[in-house]
Amino acid sequence: MARFEIVPPLKGSVLSLQTKRLVLSVFKPSAAQMVTDYLVRNRDFHKQYQQKHSNKYFTVSEQKMYLKSDLHMYNQNSQVAFWLTLPDDPGTIIGRLSFYSMIGGAMNSCYVGYHIDEKHQGQGYMSEALLAGCDFMFKYFRLHRIEADILPTNERSLRCVERCGFEKMGYNIKFMEIDGKYRDHVMMVKLNPEVEM
């Protein structure tokens, strides 16, 4: 099997990709309960790597609004936010992989961010999803460049992007607020090998 194939969308989604062990789907707002369950389950685990969120963020009504926004941006070709599930358990989310801030023209690039369920880390799922996701973005959006910005202390994430062909380009100083404080990030970049330099 190639890194992915486009398959009939899962229930409640508009796009689904199948990899060897995963399904990556762009969900509709009707999937808000699944998303909320995943976020609540991993709230403490994700805290050290994310911006601060109020209690309202971890509610179905709030996630329905986020999913509406995700879907709108997907329809505008400015973001592709995948939620990860296992083929034999399509009702349980185990991660998110989001290609966002897509810019066309001479830049023709985007950022990528991701997180995974604590119980599913260390099993290669995110590497599998990231490889497939990048291939999809390069093929269907003809992007030139994808950038991942990662905390220097997040060694597992840095190894993940390195395995997926990202290269270190430097540091983004005080790039993003993480758990209440602006933190430096390592800038990792992957270029589309099919686009002429």
N, C-alpha and C. Protein backbone atom coordinates (compact mmCIF):
# COMPACT_ATOMS: atom_id res chain seq x y z
N MET A 1 0.84 -1.20 0.00
CA MET A 1 0.00 0.00 0.00
C MET A 1 0.88 1.25 0.00
N ALA A 2 0.46 2.25 -0.78
CA ALA A 2 1.12 3.55 -0.72
C ALA A 2 0.93 4.11 0.68
N ARG A 3 1.52 5.24 0.95
CA ARG A 3 1.40 5.82 2.29
C ARG A 3 -0.04 6.13 2.65
N PHE A 4 -0.89 6.38 1.64
CA PHE A 4 -2.31 6.59 1.92
C PHE A 4 -3.12 6.32 0.67
N GLU A 5 -4.39 6.07 0.88
CA GLU A 5 -5.35 6.09 -0.21
C GLU A 5 -6.59 6.82 0.28
N ILE A 6 -7.22 7.54 -0.63
CA ILE A 6 -8.47 8.22 -0.29
C ILE A 6 -9.58 7.19 -0.30
N VAL A 7 -10.33 7.11 0.80
CA VAL A 7 -11.38 6.11 0.95
C VAL A 7 -12.71 6.83 1.20
N PRO A 8 -13.83 6.11 1.10
CA PRO A 8 -15.11 6.76 1.42
C PRO A 8 -15.06 7.39 2.81
N PRO A 9 -15.51 8.62 2.95
CA PRO A 9 -15.41 9.31 4.24
C PRO A 9 -16.10 8.54 5.37
N LEU A 10 -15.45 8.51 6.52
CA LEU A 10 -16.08 7.94 7.70
C LEU A 10 -17.37 8.70 8.00
N LYS A 11 -18.27 8.06 8.70
CA LYS A 11 -19.50 8.73 9.11
C LYS A 11 -19.14 10.00 9.88
N GLY A 12 -19.75 11.11 9.47
CA GLY A 12 -19.50 12.38 10.14
C GLY A 12 -18.28 13.11 9.64
N SER A 13 -17.72 12.68 8.48
CA SER A 13 -16.54 13.36 7.95
C SER A 13 -16.76 13.73 6.49
N VAL A 14 -15.89 14.59 5.97
CA VAL A 14 -15.97 14.99 4.56
C VAL A 14 -14.82 14.43 3.75
N LEU A 15 -13.79 13.93 4.42
CA LEU A 15 -12.62 13.37 3.76
C LEU A 15 -11.98 12.36 4.69
N SER A 16 -11.59 11.20 4.14
CA SER A 16 -10.86 10.21 4.93
C SER A 16 -9.73 9.61 4.09
N LEU A 17 -8.57 9.49 4.72
CA LEU A 17 -7.42 8.82 4.14
C LEU A 17 -7.14 7.56 4.94
N GLN A 18 -6.81 6.48 4.26
CA GLN A 18 -6.46 5.22 4.94
C GLN A 18 -4.96 5.00 4.78
N THR A 19 -4.29 4.73 5.90
CA THR A 19 -2.89 4.32 5.87
C THR A 19 -2.85 2.85 6.30
N LYS A 20 -1.67 2.34 6.53
CA LYS A 20 -1.55 0.93 6.92
C LYS A 20 -2.33 0.63 8.20
N ARG A 21 -2.27 1.54 9.19
CA ARG A 21 -2.89 1.26 10.49
C ARG A 21 -3.89 2.31 10.95
N LEU A 22 -4.10 3.37 10.16
CA LEU A 22 -4.89 4.51 10.62
C LEU A 22 -5.91 4.96 9.58
N VAL A 23 -6.88 5.73 10.06
CA VAL A 23 -7.76 6.50 9.19
C VAL A 23 -7.63 7.96 9.63
N LEU A 24 -7.35 8.85 8.67
CA LEU A 24 -7.24 10.28 8.93
C LEU A 24 -8.48 10.94 8.32
N SER A 25 -9.25 11.63 9.15
CA SER A 25 -10.51 12.19 8.67
C SER A 25 -10.66 13.66 9.03
N VAL A 26 -11.26 14.40 8.12
CA VAL A 26 -11.69 15.77 8.39
C VAL A 26 -13.15 15.68 8.82
N PHE A 27 -13.41 15.94 10.09
CA PHE A 27 -14.74 15.71 10.64
C PHE A 27 -15.65 16.93 10.53
N LYS A 28 -16.94 16.64 10.50
CA LYS A 28 -17.98 17.66 10.58
C LYS A 28 -18.26 17.97 12.06
N PRO A 29 -19.01 19.02 12.34
CA PRO A 29 -19.34 19.35 13.74
C PRO A 29 -20.07 18.23 14.48
N SER A 30 -20.70 17.33 13.76
CA SER A 30 -21.41 16.22 14.41
C SER A 30 -20.47 15.29 15.18
N ALA A 31 -19.17 15.41 14.94
CA ALA A 31 -18.19 14.58 15.64
C ALA A 31 -17.70 15.22 16.94
N ALA A 32 -18.38 16.26 17.39
CA ALA A 32 -17.90 17.02 18.56
C ALA A 32 -17.78 16.17 19.82
N GLN A 33 -18.66 15.21 20.03
CA GLN A 33 -18.57 14.37 21.22
C GLN A 33 -17.29 13.52 21.20
N MET A 34 -16.96 12.94 20.04
CA MET A 34 -15.74 12.16 19.92
C MET A 34 -14.51 13.01 20.21
N VAL A 35 -14.49 14.20 19.63
CA VAL A 35 -13.36 15.10 19.83
C VAL A 35 -13.23 15.49 21.30
N THR A 36 -14.35 15.83 21.92
CA THR A 36 -14.34 16.24 23.32
C THR A 36 -13.84 15.10 24.21
N ASP A 37 -14.30 13.89 23.96
CA ASP A 37 -13.85 12.73 24.74
C ASP A 37 -12.33 12.59 24.67
N TYR A 38 -11.78 12.75 23.47
CA TYR A 38 -10.33 12.65 23.28
C TYR A 38 -9.59 13.75 24.03
N LEU A 39 -10.08 14.99 23.91
CA LEU A 39 -9.40 16.11 24.56
C LEU A 39 -9.47 16.02 26.08
N VAL A 40 -10.61 15.63 26.62
CA VAL A 40 -10.75 15.49 28.07
C VAL A 40 -9.83 14.38 28.58
N ARG A 41 -9.80 13.28 27.85
CA ARG A 41 -8.98 12.13 28.24
C ARG A 41 -7.49 12.48 28.29
N ASN A 42 -7.06 13.42 27.44
CA ASN A 42 -5.64 13.75 27.33
C ASN A 42 -5.30 15.15 27.86
N ARG A 43 -6.23 15.73 28.60
CA ARG A 43 -6.04 17.11 29.05
C ARG A 43 -4.73 17.31 29.81
N ASP A 44 -4.47 16.51 30.79
CA ASP A 44 -3.25 16.67 31.59
C ASP A 44 -2.00 16.34 30.78
N PHE A 45 -2.08 15.32 29.96
CA PHE A 45 -0.94 14.89 29.15
C PHE A 45 -0.52 15.96 28.14
N HIS A 46 -1.49 16.60 27.50
CA HIS A 46 -1.19 17.59 26.47
C HIS A 46 -0.81 18.96 27.04
N LYS A 47 -1.09 19.19 28.31
CA LYS A 47 -0.92 20.52 28.91
C LYS A 47 0.49 21.08 28.72
N GLN A 48 1.50 20.26 28.85
CA GLN A 48 2.88 20.73 28.78
C GLN A 48 3.30 21.16 27.38
N TYR A 49 2.49 20.83 26.37
CA TYR A 49 2.85 21.13 24.99
C TYR A 49 1.90 22.12 24.31
N GLN A 50 0.84 22.56 25.00
CA GLN A 50 -0.18 23.38 24.37
C GLN A 50 -0.40 24.70 25.09
N GLN A 51 -1.13 25.58 24.40
CA GLN A 51 -1.56 26.82 25.03
C GLN A 51 -2.54 26.49 26.15
N LYS A 52 -2.75 27.44 27.04
CA LYS A 52 -3.71 27.22 28.13
C LYS A 52 -5.13 27.24 27.57
N HIS A 53 -5.96 26.35 28.09
CA HIS A 53 -7.37 26.29 27.70
C HIS A 53 -8.24 26.37 28.95
N SER A 54 -9.34 27.11 28.82
CA SER A 54 -10.30 27.17 29.92
C SER A 54 -11.12 25.89 29.95
N ASN A 55 -11.89 25.72 31.01
CA ASN A 55 -12.75 24.53 31.12
C ASN A 55 -13.75 24.46 29.97
N LYS A 56 -14.16 25.62 29.47
CA LYS A 56 -15.14 25.65 28.38
C LYS A 56 -14.63 24.94 27.13
N TYR A 57 -13.32 24.99 26.91
CA TYR A 57 -12.72 24.34 25.74
C TYR A 57 -13.03 22.85 25.71
N PHE A 58 -13.16 22.25 26.87
CA PHE A 58 -13.35 20.81 26.99
C PHE A 58 -14.83 20.43 27.07
N THR A 59 -15.65 21.13 26.30
CA THR A 59 -17.09 20.85 26.25
C THR A 59 -17.50 20.58 24.81
N VAL A 60 -18.58 19.83 24.66
CA VAL A 60 -19.07 19.47 23.33
C VAL A 60 -19.49 20.71 22.55
N SER A 61 -20.15 21.65 23.20
CA SER A 61 -20.60 22.85 22.49
C SER A 61 -19.43 23.66 21.94
N GLU A 62 -18.36 23.75 22.71
CA GLU A 62 -17.19 24.50 22.26
C GLU A 62 -16.49 23.78 21.11
N GLN A 63 -16.35 22.46 21.22
CA GLN A 63 -15.70 21.71 20.16
C GLN A 63 -16.51 21.70 18.88
N LYS A 64 -17.83 21.79 19.01
CA LYS A 64 -18.67 21.90 17.82
C LYS A 64 -18.33 23.19 17.07
N MET A 65 -18.08 24.26 17.80
CA MET A 65 -17.70 25.53 17.17
C MET A 65 -16.33 25.42 16.49
N TYR A 66 -15.38 24.75 17.17
CA TYR A 66 -14.05 24.56 16.57
C TYR A 66 -14.15 23.73 15.30
N LEU A 67 -14.97 22.69 15.32
CA LEU A 67 -15.13 21.84 14.14
C LEU A 67 -15.79 22.60 12.99
N LYS A 68 -16.73 23.48 13.31
CA LYS A 68 -17.33 24.33 12.28
C LYS A 68 -16.26 25.22 11.64
N SER A 69 -15.39 25.78 12.48
CA SER A 69 -14.31 26.62 11.98
C SER A 69 -13.34 25.81 11.13
N ASP A 70 -12.98 24.62 11.60
CA ASP A 70 -12.09 23.73 10.84
C ASP A 70 -12.67 23.43 9.46
N LEU A 71 -13.96 23.11 9.43
CA LEU A 71 -14.62 22.76 8.18
C LEU A 71 -14.67 23.95 7.23
N HIS A 72 -14.95 25.13 7.80
CA HIS A 72 -14.97 26.35 6.97
C HIS A 72 -13.60 26.58 6.35
N MET A 73 -12.53 26.46 7.14
CA MET A 73 -11.18 26.68 6.62
C MET A 73 -10.79 25.61 5.60
N TYR A 74 -11.26 24.38 5.82
CA TYR A 74 -11.02 23.31 4.84
C TYR A 74 -11.68 23.67 3.51
N ASN A 75 -12.91 24.15 3.57
CA ASN A 75 -13.62 24.52 2.35
C ASN A 75 -13.01 25.73 1.66
N GLN A 76 -12.27 26.53 2.42
CA GLN A 76 -11.57 27.71 1.87
C GLN A 76 -10.14 27.39 1.44
N ASN A 77 -9.74 26.12 1.55
CA ASN A 77 -8.38 25.68 1.21
C ASN A 77 -7.31 26.41 2.01
N SER A 78 -7.60 26.65 3.30
CA SER A 78 -6.61 27.31 4.15
C SER A 78 -6.16 26.41 5.31
N GLN A 79 -6.81 25.27 5.49
CA GLN A 79 -6.44 24.34 6.56
C GLN A 79 -7.01 22.95 6.26
N VAL A 80 -6.24 21.93 6.63
CA VAL A 80 -6.74 20.56 6.58
C VAL A 80 -6.43 19.94 7.94
N ALA A 81 -7.47 19.77 8.74
CA ALA A 81 -7.32 19.26 10.11
C ALA A 81 -7.83 17.82 10.16
N PHE A 82 -6.90 16.89 10.25
CA PHE A 82 -7.25 15.48 10.32
C PHE A 82 -7.37 15.02 11.78
N TRP A 83 -8.35 14.18 12.04
CA TRP A 83 -8.44 13.47 13.31
C TRP A 83 -8.13 12.00 13.03
N LEU A 84 -7.34 11.38 13.90
CA LEU A 84 -6.85 10.03 13.69
C LEU A 84 -7.70 9.02 14.45
N THR A 85 -8.08 7.95 13.76
CA THR A 85 -8.78 6.83 14.38
C THR A 85 -8.16 5.54 13.89
N LEU A 86 -8.46 4.44 14.58
CA LEU A 86 -8.03 3.13 14.15
C LEU A 86 -9.15 2.51 13.31
N PRO A 87 -8.82 1.74 12.26
CA PRO A 87 -9.85 1.19 11.39
C PRO A 87 -10.89 0.34 12.12
N ASP A 88 -10.47 -0.38 13.16
CA ASP A 88 -11.41 -1.25 13.88
C ASP A 88 -12.11 -0.54 15.03
N ASP A 89 -11.84 0.77 15.21
CA ASP A 89 -12.50 1.54 16.26
C ASP A 89 -12.73 2.97 15.78
N PRO A 90 -13.58 3.16 14.77
CA PRO A 90 -13.76 4.49 14.17
C PRO A 90 -14.43 5.50 15.09
N GLY A 91 -14.94 5.07 16.22
CA GLY A 91 -15.61 5.98 17.13
C GLY A 91 -14.71 6.57 18.21
N THR A 92 -13.43 6.21 18.19
CA THR A 92 -12.49 6.70 19.21
C THR A 92 -11.33 7.41 18.54
N ILE A 93 -11.17 8.69 18.81
CA ILE A 93 -10.06 9.47 18.25
C ILE A 93 -8.80 9.20 19.05
N ILE A 94 -7.67 9.03 18.34
CA ILE A 94 -6.39 8.82 19.03
C ILE A 94 -5.37 9.92 18.72
N GLY A 95 -5.76 10.94 17.93
CA GLY A 95 -4.82 12.00 17.66
C GLY A 95 -5.35 13.00 16.66
N ARG A 96 -4.58 14.05 16.48
CA ARG A 96 -4.92 15.11 15.51
C ARG A 96 -3.67 15.50 14.75
N LEU A 97 -3.83 15.77 13.46
CA LEU A 97 -2.76 16.22 12.58
C LEU A 97 -3.33 17.35 11.73
N SER A 98 -2.83 18.56 11.94
CA SER A 98 -3.43 19.73 11.30
C SER A 98 -2.41 20.48 10.46
N PHE A 99 -2.76 20.68 9.19
CA PHE A 99 -1.97 21.51 8.28
C PHE A 99 -2.71 22.85 8.19
N TYR A 100 -2.10 23.91 8.68
CA TYR A 100 -2.81 25.17 8.86
C TYR A 100 -1.99 26.36 8.35
N SER A 101 -2.65 27.52 8.32
CA SER A 101 -2.04 28.76 7.80
C SER A 101 -1.46 28.54 6.41
N MET A 102 -2.25 27.91 5.55
CA MET A 102 -1.81 27.65 4.19
C MET A 102 -1.75 28.95 3.40
N ILE A 103 -0.62 29.17 2.75
CA ILE A 103 -0.37 30.38 1.97
C ILE A 103 -0.04 29.94 0.55
N GLY A 104 -0.67 30.56 -0.44
CA GLY A 104 -0.38 30.26 -1.83
C GLY A 104 0.66 31.19 -2.41
N GLY A 105 0.61 31.35 -3.70
CA GLY A 105 1.53 32.26 -4.38
C GLY A 105 2.98 31.83 -4.27
N ALA A 106 3.85 32.79 -4.11
CA ALA A 106 5.29 32.51 -4.07
C ALA A 106 5.69 31.73 -2.83
N MET A 107 4.92 31.85 -1.74
CA MET A 107 5.25 31.11 -0.52
C MET A 107 4.82 29.65 -0.63
N ASN A 108 3.57 29.41 -0.98
CA ASN A 108 3.04 28.07 -1.23
C ASN A 108 3.45 27.09 -0.12
N SER A 109 3.06 27.42 1.10
CA SER A 109 3.54 26.66 2.25
C SER A 109 2.47 26.60 3.34
N CYS A 110 2.77 25.87 4.40
CA CYS A 110 1.88 25.82 5.57
C CYS A 110 2.68 25.36 6.78
N TYR A 111 2.02 25.41 7.92
CA TYR A 111 2.54 24.85 9.16
C TYR A 111 1.83 23.53 9.42
N VAL A 112 2.45 22.69 10.25
CA VAL A 112 1.80 21.47 10.69
C VAL A 112 1.94 21.36 12.21
N GLY A 113 0.88 20.90 12.83
CA GLY A 113 0.89 20.63 14.27
C GLY A 113 0.15 19.33 14.53
N TYR A 114 0.43 18.71 15.65
CA TYR A 114 -0.17 17.41 15.92
C TYR A 114 -0.11 17.10 17.41
N HIS A 115 -0.93 16.15 17.82
CA HIS A 115 -0.85 15.58 19.17
C HIS A 115 -1.50 14.20 19.12
N ILE A 116 -1.16 13.38 20.08
CA ILE A 116 -1.64 12.00 20.08
C ILE A 116 -2.08 11.60 21.47
N ASP A 117 -2.94 10.61 21.52
CA ASP A 117 -3.42 10.07 22.79
C ASP A 117 -2.26 9.49 23.58
N GLU A 118 -2.24 9.76 24.86
CA GLU A 118 -1.14 9.30 25.71
C GLU A 118 -0.92 7.80 25.60
N LYS A 119 -1.99 7.03 25.54
CA LYS A 119 -1.87 5.57 25.51
C LYS A 119 -1.36 5.04 24.17
N HIS A 120 -1.36 5.89 23.14
CA HIS A 120 -0.94 5.44 21.82
C HIS A 120 0.41 6.04 21.38
N GLN A 121 1.07 6.76 22.27
CA GLN A 121 2.37 7.32 21.92
C GLN A 121 3.42 6.20 21.87
N GLY A 122 4.49 6.45 21.12
CA GLY A 122 5.59 5.51 21.05
C GLY A 122 5.34 4.28 20.20
N GLN A 123 4.27 4.30 19.40
CA GLN A 123 3.95 3.14 18.56
C GLN A 123 4.06 3.46 17.07
N GLY A 124 4.59 4.63 16.75
CA GLY A 124 4.80 5.00 15.35
C GLY A 124 3.57 5.53 14.63
N TYR A 125 2.47 5.72 15.36
CA TYR A 125 1.26 6.20 14.71
C TYR A 125 1.42 7.60 14.12
N MET A 126 2.04 8.50 14.88
CA MET A 126 2.15 9.86 14.38
C MET A 126 3.11 9.95 13.21
N SER A 127 4.18 9.18 13.22
CA SER A 127 5.07 9.17 12.05
C SER A 127 4.31 8.70 10.82
N GLU A 128 3.51 7.66 10.98
CA GLU A 128 2.72 7.13 9.87
C GLU A 128 1.73 8.18 9.36
N ALA A 129 1.06 8.86 10.28
CA ALA A 129 0.09 9.89 9.90
C ALA A 129 0.78 11.08 9.24
N LEU A 130 1.91 11.50 9.79
CA LEU A 130 2.61 12.67 9.28
C LEU A 130 3.16 12.42 7.87
N LEU A 131 3.72 11.25 7.65
CA LEU A 131 4.21 10.91 6.31
C LEU A 131 3.08 10.93 5.29
N ALA A 132 1.96 10.31 5.65
CA ALA A 132 0.81 10.28 4.73
C ALA A 132 0.24 11.68 4.53
N GLY A 133 0.11 12.43 5.63
CA GLY A 133 -0.44 13.78 5.54
C GLY A 133 0.40 14.70 4.67
N CYS A 134 1.70 14.65 4.85
CA CYS A 134 2.59 15.48 4.02
C CYS A 134 2.48 15.08 2.55
N ASP A 135 2.46 13.77 2.28
CA ASP A 135 2.30 13.32 0.90
C ASP A 135 1.00 13.85 0.30
N PHE A 136 -0.07 13.79 1.08
CA PHE A 136 -1.36 14.29 0.61
C PHE A 136 -1.29 15.78 0.32
N MET A 137 -0.72 16.56 1.21
CA MET A 137 -0.64 18.02 1.03
C MET A 137 0.24 18.38 -0.16
N PHE A 138 1.34 17.66 -0.34
CA PHE A 138 2.21 17.92 -1.47
C PHE A 138 1.51 17.56 -2.79
N LYS A 139 0.80 16.45 -2.81
CA LYS A 139 0.18 15.97 -4.05
C LYS A 139 -1.05 16.78 -4.44
N TYR A 140 -1.94 17.04 -3.48
CA TYR A 140 -3.23 17.64 -3.81
C TYR A 140 -3.26 19.16 -3.68
N PHE A 141 -2.36 19.71 -2.89
CA PHE A 141 -2.30 21.17 -2.76
C PHE A 141 -1.03 21.75 -3.39
N ARG A 142 -0.16 20.86 -3.84
CA ARG A 142 1.09 21.26 -4.51
C ARG A 142 1.89 22.24 -3.67
N LEU A 143 1.90 22.03 -2.37
CA LEU A 143 2.69 22.88 -1.49
C LEU A 143 4.18 22.67 -1.75
N HIS A 144 4.92 23.72 -1.51
CA HIS A 144 6.37 23.68 -1.66
C HIS A 144 7.07 23.33 -0.33
N ARG A 145 6.45 23.76 0.80
CA ARG A 145 7.16 23.70 2.08
C ARG A 145 6.16 23.51 3.22
N ILE A 146 6.51 22.64 4.16
CA ILE A 146 5.72 22.44 5.38
C ILE A 146 6.64 22.63 6.57
N GLU A 147 6.20 23.46 7.52
CA GLU A 147 7.03 23.79 8.69
C GLU A 147 6.39 23.27 9.97
N ALA A 148 7.19 22.61 10.79
CA ALA A 148 6.78 22.18 12.13
C ALA A 148 7.65 22.91 13.14
N ASP A 149 7.03 23.52 14.14
CA ASP A 149 7.77 24.23 15.20
C ASP A 149 7.55 23.49 16.51
N ILE A 150 8.64 23.05 17.11
CA ILE A 150 8.58 22.10 18.22
C ILE A 150 9.42 22.58 19.40
N LEU A 151 8.90 22.41 20.59
CA LEU A 151 9.67 22.75 21.79
C LEU A 151 10.97 21.95 21.82
N PRO A 152 12.10 22.60 22.14
CA PRO A 152 13.38 21.88 22.20
C PRO A 152 13.37 20.71 23.18
N THR A 153 12.53 20.80 24.20
CA THR A 153 12.46 19.73 25.20
C THR A 153 11.60 18.55 24.76
N ASN A 154 10.87 18.71 23.66
CA ASN A 154 9.99 17.64 23.19
C ASN A 154 10.78 16.72 22.25
N GLU A 155 11.65 15.94 22.84
CA GLU A 155 12.57 15.10 22.07
C GLU A 155 11.84 14.06 21.23
N ARG A 156 10.76 13.52 21.75
CA ARG A 156 10.01 12.50 21.01
C ARG A 156 9.43 13.10 19.73
N SER A 157 8.90 14.31 19.81
CA SER A 157 8.33 14.97 18.64
C SER A 157 9.41 15.33 17.63
N LEU A 158 10.55 15.79 18.11
CA LEU A 158 11.66 16.11 17.21
C LEU A 158 12.13 14.87 16.46
N ARG A 159 12.21 13.74 17.14
CA ARG A 159 12.60 12.49 16.46
C ARG A 159 11.55 12.08 15.44
N CYS A 160 10.29 12.32 15.75
CA CYS A 160 9.21 11.98 14.83
C CYS A 160 9.36 12.73 13.50
N VAL A 161 9.53 14.06 13.57
CA VAL A 161 9.62 14.81 12.31
C VAL A 161 10.91 14.50 11.57
N GLU A 162 11.98 14.22 12.29
CA GLU A 162 13.22 13.84 11.62
C GLU A 162 13.03 12.54 10.83
N ARG A 163 12.34 11.58 11.43
CA ARG A 163 12.05 10.32 10.73
C ARG A 163 11.22 10.57 9.47
N CYS A 164 10.44 11.64 9.49
CA CYS A 164 9.55 11.95 8.37
C CYS A 164 10.18 12.89 7.35
N GLY A 165 11.47 13.14 7.46
CA GLY A 165 12.18 13.92 6.46
C GLY A 165 12.24 15.41 6.69
N PHE A 166 11.87 15.88 7.88
CA PHE A 166 12.01 17.30 8.20
C PHE A 166 13.45 17.59 8.61
N GLU A 167 13.93 18.78 8.26
CA GLU A 167 15.28 19.18 8.61
C GLU A 167 15.25 20.44 9.47
N LYS A 168 16.20 20.52 10.40
CA LYS A 168 16.28 21.67 11.29
C LYS A 168 16.79 22.89 10.53
N MET A 169 16.03 24.01 10.65
CA MET A 169 16.41 25.24 9.97
C MET A 169 16.82 26.34 10.93
N GLY A 170 16.62 26.12 12.22
CA GLY A 170 16.98 27.14 13.21
C GLY A 170 15.97 27.19 14.34
N TYR A 171 15.86 28.37 14.95
CA TYR A 171 14.96 28.55 16.08
C TYR A 171 14.02 29.72 15.83
N ASN A 172 12.79 29.56 16.25
CA ASN A 172 11.84 30.67 16.31
C ASN A 172 11.75 31.10 17.77
N ILE A 173 12.27 32.29 18.05
CA ILE A 173 12.37 32.78 19.42
C ILE A 173 10.99 33.23 19.92
N LYS A 174 10.65 32.75 21.13
CA LYS A 174 9.37 33.08 21.76
C LYS A 174 8.23 32.95 20.74
N PHE A 175 8.20 31.83 20.07
CA PHE A 175 7.31 31.61 18.93
C PHE A 175 5.84 31.44 19.32
N MET A 176 5.60 30.73 20.42
CA MET A 176 4.23 30.40 20.75
C MET A 176 4.05 30.32 22.26
N GLU A 177 2.86 30.69 22.71
CA GLU A 177 2.55 30.59 24.14
C GLU A 177 2.18 29.14 24.46
N ILE A 178 2.92 28.56 25.35
CA ILE A 178 2.69 27.18 25.78
C ILE A 178 2.48 27.18 27.29
N ASP A 179 1.34 26.71 27.71
CA ASP A 179 1.01 26.63 29.13
C ASP A 179 1.29 27.96 29.86
N GLY A 180 0.94 29.08 29.18
CA GLY A 180 1.02 30.38 29.83
C GLY A 180 2.30 31.16 29.65
N LYS A 181 3.25 30.63 28.88
CA LYS A 181 4.53 31.33 28.71
C LYS A 181 5.00 31.19 27.26
N TYR A 182 5.46 32.31 26.68
CA TYR A 182 5.99 32.25 25.31
C TYR A 182 7.31 31.49 25.31
N ARG A 183 7.40 30.50 24.44
CA ARG A 183 8.55 29.58 24.44
C ARG A 183 9.23 29.56 23.07
N ASP A 184 10.55 29.39 23.09
CA ASP A 184 11.31 29.18 21.86
C ASP A 184 10.94 27.82 21.27
N HIS A 185 10.98 27.73 19.94
CA HIS A 185 10.69 26.48 19.25
C HIS A 185 11.78 26.19 18.21
N VAL A 186 12.03 24.92 17.98
CA VAL A 186 12.92 24.50 16.90
C VAL A 186 12.12 24.51 15.60
N MET A 187 12.65 25.16 14.57
CA MET A 187 11.99 25.20 13.27
C MET A 187 12.46 24.02 12.43
N MET A 188 11.51 23.14 12.10
CA MET A 188 11.79 21.96 11.28
C MET A 188 10.99 22.09 9.98
N VAL A 189 11.64 21.81 8.86
CA VAL A 189 11.01 22.05 7.56
C VAL A 189 11.15 20.83 6.67
N LYS A 190 10.08 20.55 5.92
CA LYS A 190 10.10 19.52 4.88
C LYS A 190 9.72 20.16 3.56
N LEU A 191 10.52 19.90 2.52
CA LEU A 191 10.24 20.45 1.20
C LEU A 191 9.65 19.37 0.30
N ASN A 192 8.82 19.79 -0.62
CA ASN A 192 8.20 18.87 -1.57
C ASN A 192 9.23 18.48 -2.61
N PRO A 193 9.60 17.19 -2.67
CA PRO A 193 10.64 16.78 -3.61
C PRO A 193 10.21 16.87 -5.07
N GLU A 194 8.89 17.01 -5.30
CA GLU A 194 8.38 17.06 -6.67
C GLU A 194 8.32 18.49 -7.23
N VAL A 195 8.57 19.48 -6.37
CA VAL A 195 8.54 20.87 -6.82
C VAL A 195 9.95 21.33 -7.15
N GLU A 196 10.13 21.87 -8.33
CA GLU A 196 11.45 22.32 -8.74
C GLU A 196 11.93 23.47 -7.88
N MET A 197 13.21 23.44 -7.54
CA MET A 197 13.81 24.48 -6.72
C MET A 197 14.26 25.65 -7.60
